[in-house]
Amino acid sequence: MNDDSVVLVCGHGYHSACYDKRCVYCENFYKNGIYENVNAFLKRIEKGTDMLTQDDLDNEIIEDEEEGTEETDCEQT
């Protein structure tokens, strides 16, 4: 590794010019998770039921499997 790169505790690496005091990959992961959980919560409220159905659980599993990371302009080292 050269002096122009940074490896964070999470394992993601950045070029020094791309690193902005935060890990973009981890930040996007958490933002997407929060967004999905809030939307799922709002859907349950709109249904008016307090019980999870099997369909709710199946949809959650499918969403977890389809989850991916977004790429940024700077490549990971």
PDB file of N, CA and C in Angstrom:
ATOM      1  N   MET A   1       0.847  -1.170   0.000  1.00  0.00           N
ATOM      2  CA  MET A   1       0.000   0.000   0.000  1.00  0.00           C
ATOM      3  C   MET A   1       0.894   1.236   0.000  1.00  0.00           C
ATOM      4  N   ASN A   2       0.533   2.211  -0.787  1.00  0.00           N
ATOM      5  CA  ASN A   2       1.334   3.429  -0.830  1.00  0.00           C
ATOM      6  C   ASN A   2       0.781   4.477   0.137  1.00  0.00           C
ATOM      7  N   ASP A   3       1.445   5.612   0.202  1.00  0.00           N
ATOM      8  CA  ASP A   3       1.052   6.667   1.138  1.00  0.00           C
ATOM      9  C   ASP A   3      -0.188   7.428   0.695  1.00  0.00           C
ATOM     10  N   ASP A   4      -0.667   7.174  -0.512  1.00  0.00           N
ATOM     11  CA  ASP A   4      -1.822   7.901  -1.031  1.00  0.00           C
ATOM     12  C   ASP A   4      -3.140   7.189  -0.770  1.00  0.00           C
ATOM     13  N   SER A   5      -3.147   6.204   0.117  1.00  0.00           N
ATOM     14  CA  SER A   5      -4.387   5.478   0.373  1.00  0.00           C
ATOM     15  C   SER A   5      -4.599   5.280   1.869  1.00  0.00           C
ATOM     16  N   VAL A   6      -5.856   5.012   2.219  1.00  0.00           N
ATOM     17  CA  VAL A   6      -6.264   4.838   3.610  1.00  0.00           C
ATOM     18  C   VAL A   6      -7.126   3.587   3.692  1.00  0.00           C
ATOM     19  N   VAL A   7      -6.865   2.725   4.672  1.00  0.00           N
ATOM     20  CA  VAL A   7      -7.726   1.576   4.932  1.00  0.00           C
ATOM     21  C   VAL A   7      -8.379   1.809   6.287  1.00  0.00           C
ATOM     22  N   LEU A   8      -9.700   1.764   6.307  1.00  0.00           N
ATOM     23  CA  LEU A   8     -10.457   2.038   7.524  1.00  0.00           C
ATOM     24  C   LEU A   8     -10.670   0.768   8.338  1.00  0.00           C
ATOM     25  N   VAL A   9     -11.160   0.923   9.549  1.00  0.00           N
ATOM     26  CA  VAL A   9     -11.413  -0.205  10.433  1.00  0.00           C
ATOM     27  C   VAL A   9     -12.413  -1.182   9.811  1.00  0.00           C
ATOM     28  N   CYS A  10     -13.357  -0.664   9.044  1.00  0.00           N
ATOM     29  CA  CYS A  10     -14.372  -1.513   8.416  1.00  0.00           C
ATOM     30  C   CYS A  10     -13.794  -2.356   7.284  1.00  0.00           C
ATOM     31  N   GLY A  11     -12.565  -2.050   6.863  1.00  0.00           N
ATOM     32  CA  GLY A  11     -11.920  -2.822   5.814  1.00  0.00           C
ATOM     33  C   GLY A  11     -11.973  -2.175   4.445  1.00  0.00           C
ATOM     34  N   HIS A  12     -12.746  -1.126   4.302  1.00  0.00           N
ATOM     35  CA  HIS A  12     -12.811  -0.432   3.021  1.00  0.00           C
ATOM     36  C   HIS A  12     -11.610   0.494   2.886  1.00  0.00           C
ATOM     37  N   GLY A  13     -11.100   0.582   1.675  1.00  0.00           N
ATOM     38  CA  GLY A  13      -9.945   1.426   1.416  1.00  0.00           C
ATOM     39  C   GLY A  13     -10.271   2.556   0.466  1.00  0.00           C
ATOM     40  N   TYR A  14      -9.598   3.660   0.635  1.00  0.00           N
ATOM     41  CA  TYR A  14      -9.827   4.841  -0.189  1.00  0.00           C
ATOM     42  C   TYR A  14      -8.503   5.476  -0.572  1.00  0.00           C
ATOM     43  N   HIS A  15      -8.503   6.130  -1.717  1.00  0.00           N
ATOM     44  CA  HIS A  15      -7.392   7.019  -2.039  1.00  0.00           C
ATOM     45  C   HIS A  15      -7.543   8.236  -1.136  1.00  0.00           C
ATOM     46  N   SER A  16      -6.447   8.817  -0.734  1.00  0.00           N
ATOM     47  CA  SER A  16      -6.502   9.961   0.176  1.00  0.00           C
ATOM     48  C   SER A  16      -7.374  11.085  -0.367  1.00  0.00           C
ATOM     49  N   ALA A  17      -7.353  11.301  -1.666  1.00  0.00           N
ATOM     50  CA  ALA A  17      -8.156  12.362  -2.271  1.00  0.00           C
ATOM     51  C   ALA A  17      -9.653  12.053  -2.209  1.00  0.00           C
ATOM     52  N   CYS A  18     -10.022  10.780  -2.118  1.00  0.00           N
ATOM     53  CA  CYS A  18     -11.432  10.381  -2.103  1.00  0.00           C
ATOM     54  C   CYS A  18     -11.994  10.268  -0.689  1.00  0.00           C
ATOM     55  N   TYR A  19     -11.132  10.119   0.291  1.00  0.00           N
ATOM     56  CA  TYR A  19     -11.572   9.915   1.671  1.00  0.00           C
ATOM     57  C   TYR A  19     -12.054  11.229   2.260  1.00  0.00           C
ATOM     58  N   ASP A  20     -13.282  11.220   2.776  1.00  0.00           N
ATOM     59  CA  ASP A  20     -13.885  12.441   3.311  1.00  0.00           C
ATOM     60  C   ASP A  20     -14.310  12.228   4.763  1.00  0.00           C
ATOM     61  N   LYS A  21     -13.448  11.633   5.573  1.00  0.00           N
ATOM     62  CA  LYS A  21     -13.691  11.402   7.002  1.00  0.00           C
ATOM     63  C   LYS A  21     -14.893  10.499   7.275  1.00  0.00           C
ATOM     64  N   ARG A  22     -15.295   9.713   6.279  1.00  0.00           N
ATOM     65  CA  ARG A  22     -16.397   8.766   6.457  1.00  0.00           C
ATOM     66  C   ARG A  22     -16.285   7.688   5.390  1.00  0.00           C
ATOM     67  N   CYS A  23     -16.838   6.547   5.676  1.00  0.00           N
ATOM     68  CA  CYS A  23     -16.836   5.453   4.708  1.00  0.00           C
ATOM     69  C   CYS A  23     -18.146   5.506   3.924  1.00  0.00           C
ATOM     70  N   VAL A  24     -18.052   5.814   2.663  1.00  0.00           N
ATOM     71  CA  VAL A  24     -19.233   5.962   1.815  1.00  0.00           C
ATOM     72  C   VAL A  24     -20.002   4.645   1.722  1.00  0.00           C
ATOM     73  N   TYR A  25     -19.295   3.535   1.627  1.00  0.00           N
ATOM     74  CA  TYR A  25     -19.949   2.231   1.502  1.00  0.00           C
ATOM     75  C   TYR A  25     -20.767   1.903   2.749  1.00  0.00           C
ATOM     76  N   CYS A  26     -20.168   2.085   3.910  1.00  0.00           N
ATOM     77  CA  CYS A  26     -20.875   1.794   5.160  1.00  0.00           C
ATOM     78  C   CYS A  26     -22.013   2.785   5.391  1.00  0.00           C
ATOM     79  N   GLU A  27     -21.773   4.038   5.082  1.00  0.00           N
ATOM     80  CA  GLU A  27     -22.817   5.047   5.245  1.00  0.00           C
ATOM     81  C   GLU A  27     -24.029   4.708   4.378  1.00  0.00           C
ATOM     82  N   ASN A  28     -23.799   4.332   3.130  1.00  0.00           N
ATOM     83  CA  ASN A  28     -24.906   3.959   2.243  1.00  0.00           C
ATOM     84  C   ASN A  28     -25.620   2.711   2.741  1.00  0.00           C
ATOM     85  N   PHE A  29     -24.866   1.757   3.269  1.00  0.00           N
ATOM     86  CA  PHE A  29     -25.465   0.541   3.815  1.00  0.00           C
ATOM     87  C   PHE A  29     -26.442   0.885   4.944  1.00  0.00           C
ATOM     88  N   TYR A  30     -26.004   1.723   5.872  1.00  0.00           N
ATOM     89  CA  TYR A  30     -26.869   2.095   6.992  1.00  0.00           C
ATOM     90  C   TYR A  30     -28.041   2.960   6.544  1.00  0.00           C
ATOM     91  N   LYS A  31     -27.809   3.890   5.634  1.00  0.00           N
ATOM     92  CA  LYS A  31     -28.901   4.736   5.135  1.00  0.00           C
ATOM     93  C   LYS A  31     -29.967   3.892   4.445  1.00  0.00           C
ATOM     94  N   ASN A  32     -29.537   2.945   3.610  1.00  0.00           N
ATOM     95  CA  ASN A  32     -30.495   2.081   2.916  1.00  0.00           C
ATOM     96  C   ASN A  32     -31.283   1.232   3.908  1.00  0.00           C
ATOM     97  N   GLY A  33     -30.615   0.719   4.920  1.00  0.00           N
ATOM     98  CA  GLY A  33     -31.294  -0.088   5.935  1.00  0.00           C
ATOM     99  C   GLY A  33     -32.333   0.712   6.698  1.00  0.00           C
ATOM    100  N   ILE A  34     -31.982   1.926   7.069  1.00  0.00           N
ATOM    101  CA  ILE A  34     -32.926   2.791   7.784  1.00  0.00           C
ATOM    102  C   ILE A  34     -34.120   3.105   6.889  1.00  0.00           C
ATOM    103  N   TYR A  35     -33.853   3.448   5.641  1.00  0.00           N
ATOM    104  CA  TYR A  35     -34.923   3.770   4.694  1.00  0.00           C
ATOM    105  C   TYR A  35     -35.880   2.586   4.531  1.00  0.00           C
ATOM    106  N   GLU A  36     -35.335   1.397   4.359  1.00  0.00           N
ATOM    107  CA  GLU A  36     -36.171   0.205   4.177  1.00  0.00           C
ATOM    108  C   GLU A  36     -36.984  -0.104   5.430  1.00  0.00           C
ATOM    109  N   ASN A  37     -36.373   0.031   6.599  1.00  0.00           N
ATOM    110  CA  ASN A  37     -37.091  -0.248   7.842  1.00  0.00           C
ATOM    111  C   ASN A  37     -38.210   0.757   8.087  1.00  0.00           C
ATOM    112  N   VAL A  38     -37.965   2.015   7.810  1.00  0.00           N
ATOM    113  CA  VAL A  38     -39.001   3.037   7.986  1.00  0.00           C
ATOM    114  C   VAL A  38     -40.156   2.775   7.024  1.00  0.00           C
ATOM    115  N   ASN A  39     -39.841   2.458   5.775  1.00  0.00           N
ATOM    116  CA  ASN A  39     -40.907   2.170   4.810  1.00  0.00           C
ATOM    117  C   ASN A  39     -41.714   0.941   5.213  1.00  0.00           C
ATOM    118  N   ALA A  40     -41.047  -0.085   5.695  1.00  0.00           N
ATOM    119  CA  ALA A  40     -41.759  -1.284   6.144  1.00  0.00           C
ATOM    120  C   ALA A  40     -42.664  -0.948   7.328  1.00  0.00           C
ATOM    121  N   PHE A  41     -42.167  -0.130   8.237  1.00  0.00           N
ATOM    122  CA  PHE A  41     -42.960   0.289   9.390  1.00  0.00           C
ATOM    123  C   PHE A  41     -44.190   1.080   8.943  1.00  0.00           C
ATOM    124  N   LEU A  42     -44.000   2.010   8.021  1.00  0.00           N
ATOM    125  CA  LEU A  42     -45.122   2.818   7.535  1.00  0.00           C
ATOM    126  C   LEU A  42     -46.164   1.960   6.818  1.00  0.00           C
ATOM    127  N   LYS A  43     -45.716   0.970   6.064  1.00  0.00           N
ATOM    128  CA  LYS A  43     -46.657   0.069   5.388  1.00  0.00           C
ATOM    129  C   LYS A  43     -47.493  -0.699   6.404  1.00  0.00           C
ATOM    130  N   ARG A  44     -46.860  -1.141   7.476  1.00  0.00           N
ATOM    131  CA  ARG A  44     -47.597  -1.879   8.512  1.00  0.00           C
ATOM    132  C   ARG A  44     -48.612  -0.980   9.203  1.00  0.00           C
ATOM    133  N   ILE A  45     -48.239   0.273   9.418  1.00  0.00           N
ATOM    134  CA  ILE A  45     -49.176   1.216  10.033  1.00  0.00           C
ATOM    135  C   ILE A  45     -50.375   1.434   9.114  1.00  0.00           C
ATOM    136  N   GLU A  46     -50.112   1.581   7.822  1.00  0.00           N
ATOM    137  CA  GLU A  46     -51.192   1.802   6.863  1.00  0.00           C
ATOM    138  C   GLU A  46     -52.125   0.603   6.776  1.00  0.00           C
ATOM    139  N   LYS A  47     -51.595  -0.604   6.981  1.00  0.00           N
ATOM    140  CA  LYS A  47     -52.426  -1.804   6.953  1.00  0.00           C
ATOM    141  C   LYS A  47     -53.392  -1.833   8.133  1.00  0.00           C
ATOM    142  N   GLY A  48     -52.984  -1.215   9.220  1.00  0.00           N
ATOM    143  CA  GLY A  48     -53.835  -1.186  10.398  1.00  0.00           C
ATOM    144  C   GLY A  48     -53.753  -2.450  11.229  1.00  0.00           C
ATOM    145  N   THR A  49     -52.783  -3.303  10.970  1.00  0.00           N
ATOM    146  CA  THR A  49     -52.640  -4.520  11.761  1.00  0.00           C
ATOM    147  C   THR A  49     -51.348  -4.476  12.552  1.00  0.00           C
ATOM    148  N   ASP A  50     -51.364  -5.152  13.665  1.00  0.00           N
ATOM    149  CA  ASP A  50     -50.174  -5.229  14.505  1.00  0.00           C
ATOM    150  C   ASP A  50     -49.450  -6.559  14.343  1.00  0.00           C
ATOM    151  N   MET A  51     -49.929  -7.381  13.428  1.00  0.00           N
ATOM    152  CA  MET A  51     -49.352  -8.708  13.276  1.00  0.00           C
ATOM    153  C   MET A  51     -48.594  -8.809  11.960  1.00  0.00           C
ATOM    154  N   LEU A  52     -47.444  -9.460  12.010  1.00  0.00           N
ATOM    155  CA  LEU A  52     -46.701  -9.737  10.789  1.00  0.00           C
ATOM    156  C   LEU A  52     -47.333 -10.928  10.086  1.00  0.00           C
ATOM    157  N   THR A  53     -47.455 -10.822   8.793  1.00  0.00           N
ATOM    158  CA  THR A  53     -47.955 -11.951   8.022  1.00  0.00           C
ATOM    159  C   THR A  53     -46.769 -12.683   7.408  1.00  0.00           C
ATOM    160  N   GLN A  54     -47.001 -13.869   6.911  1.00  0.00           N
ATOM    161  CA  GLN A  54     -45.934 -14.621   6.256  1.00  0.00           C
ATOM    162  C   GLN A  54     -45.436 -13.867   5.030  1.00  0.00           C
ATOM    163  N   ASP A  55     -46.335 -13.155   4.354  1.00  0.00           N
ATOM    164  CA  ASP A  55     -45.962 -12.360   3.186  1.00  0.00           C
ATOM    165  C   ASP A  55     -44.975 -11.258   3.573  1.00  0.00           C
ATOM    166  N   ASP A  56     -45.190 -10.618   4.728  1.00  0.00           N
ATOM    167  CA  ASP A  56     -44.261  -9.594   5.214  1.00  0.00           C
ATOM    168  C   ASP A  56     -42.873 -10.184   5.437  1.00  0.00           C
ATOM    169  N   LEU A  57     -42.829 -11.338   6.055  1.00  0.00           N
ATOM    170  CA  LEU A  57     -41.544 -11.982   6.333  1.00  0.00           C
ATOM    171  C   LEU A  57     -40.851 -12.406   5.046  1.00  0.00           C
ATOM    172  N   ASP A  58     -41.612 -12.927   4.088  1.00  0.00           N
ATOM    173  CA  ASP A  58     -41.040 -13.341   2.809  1.00  0.00           C
ATOM    174  C   ASP A  58     -40.471 -12.148   2.054  1.00  0.00           C
ATOM    175  N   ASN A  59     -41.188 -11.033   2.049  1.00  0.00           N
ATOM    176  CA  ASN A  59     -40.713  -9.825   1.367  1.00  0.00           C
ATOM    177  C   ASN A  59     -39.430  -9.310   1.999  1.00  0.00           C
ATOM    178  N   GLU A  60     -39.338  -9.392   3.305  1.00  0.00           N
ATOM    179  CA  GLU A  60     -38.148  -8.921   4.005  1.00  0.00           C
ATOM    180  C   GLU A  60     -36.935  -9.773   3.638  1.00  0.00           C
ATOM    181  N   ILE A  61     -37.121 -11.069   3.527  1.00  0.00           N
ATOM    182  CA  ILE A  61     -36.026 -11.968   3.155  1.00  0.00           C
ATOM    183  C   ILE A  61     -35.572 -11.684   1.730  1.00  0.00           C
ATOM    184  N   ILE A  62     -36.510 -11.480   0.822  1.00  0.00           N
ATOM    185  CA  ILE A  62     -36.181 -11.192  -0.579  1.00  0.00           C
ATOM    186  C   ILE A  62     -35.421  -9.878  -0.683  1.00  0.00           C
ATOM    187  N   GLU A  63     -35.847  -8.854   0.050  1.00  0.00           N
ATOM    188  CA  GLU A  63     -35.168  -7.559   0.021  1.00  0.00           C
ATOM    189  C   GLU A  63     -33.744  -7.681   0.544  1.00  0.00           C
ATOM    190  N   ASP A  64     -33.547  -8.490   1.582  1.00  0.00           N
ATOM    191  CA  ASP A  64     -32.206  -8.683   2.127  1.00  0.00           C
ATOM    192  C   ASP A  64     -31.289  -9.350   1.110  1.00  0.00           C
ATOM    193  N   GLU A  65     -31.822 -10.289   0.343  1.00  0.00           N
ATOM    194  CA  GLU A  65     -31.021 -10.997  -0.650  1.00  0.00           C
ATOM    195  C   GLU A  65     -30.665 -10.103  -1.832  1.00  0.00           C
ATOM    196  N   GLU A  66     -31.544  -9.166  -2.170  1.00  0.00           N
ATOM    197  CA  GLU A  66     -31.323  -8.297  -3.319  1.00  0.00           C
ATOM    198  C   GLU A  66     -30.469  -7.085  -2.981  1.00  0.00           C
ATOM    199  N   GLU A  67     -30.195  -6.878  -1.715  1.00  0.00           N
ATOM    200  CA  GLU A  67     -29.472  -5.686  -1.275  1.00  0.00           C
ATOM    201  C   GLU A  67     -28.066  -5.674  -1.854  1.00  0.00           C
ATOM    202  N   GLY A  68     -27.645  -4.514  -2.345  1.00  0.00           N
ATOM    203  CA  GLY A  68     -26.305  -4.365  -2.905  1.00  0.00           C
ATOM    204  C   GLY A  68     -25.725  -3.036  -2.491  1.00  0.00           C
ATOM    205  N   THR A  69     -24.492  -2.806  -2.893  1.00  0.00           N
ATOM    206  CA  THR A  69     -23.860  -1.533  -2.580  1.00  0.00           C
ATOM    207  C   THR A  69     -23.769  -0.707  -3.842  1.00  0.00           C
ATOM    208  N   GLU A  70     -23.825   0.583  -3.661  1.00  0.00           N
ATOM    209  CA  GLU A  70     -23.694   1.492  -4.785  1.00  0.00           C
ATOM    210  C   GLU A  70     -22.232   1.833  -4.973  1.00  0.00           C
ATOM    211  N   GLU A  71     -21.844   2.016  -6.228  1.00  0.00           N
ATOM    212  CA  GLU A  71     -20.467   2.373  -6.510  1.00  0.00           C
ATOM    213  C   GLU A  71     -20.322   3.883  -6.479  1.00  0.00           C
ATOM    214  N   THR A  72     -19.130   4.325  -6.137  1.00  0.00           N
ATOM    215  CA  THR A  72     -18.834   5.748  -6.126  1.00  0.00           C
ATOM    216  C   THR A  72     -17.825   6.053  -7.220  1.00  0.00           C
ATOM    217  N   ASP A  73     -17.530   7.337  -7.417  1.00  0.00           N
ATOM    218  CA  ASP A  73     -16.586   7.740  -8.448  1.00  0.00           C
ATOM    219  C   ASP A  73     -15.185   7.220  -8.173  1.00  0.00           C
ATOM    220  N   CYS A  74     -14.803   7.152  -6.921  1.00  0.00           N
ATOM    221  CA  CYS A  74     -13.466   6.682  -6.558  1.00  0.00           C
ATOM    222  C   CYS A  74     -13.532   5.186  -6.302  1.00  0.00           C
ATOM    223  N   GLU A  75     -12.567   4.472  -6.801  1.00  0.00           N
ATOM    224  CA  GLU A  75     -12.563   3.029  -6.629  1.00  0.00           C
ATOM    225  C   GLU A  75     -11.990   2.653  -5.281  1.00  0.00           C
ATOM    226  N   GLN A  76     -12.453   1.523  -4.773  1.00  0.00           N
ATOM    227  CA  GLN A  76     -11.948   0.989  -3.519  1.00  0.00           C
ATOM    228  C   GLN A  76     -10.578   0.380  -3.776  1.00  0.00           C
ATOM    229  N   THR A  77      -9.632   0.586  -2.839  1.00  0.00           N
ATOM    230  CA  THR A  77      -8.286   0.030  -3.012  1.00  0.00           C
ATOM    231  C   THR A  77      -8.163  -1.291  -2.331  1.00  0.00           C
TER     232      THR A  77
END
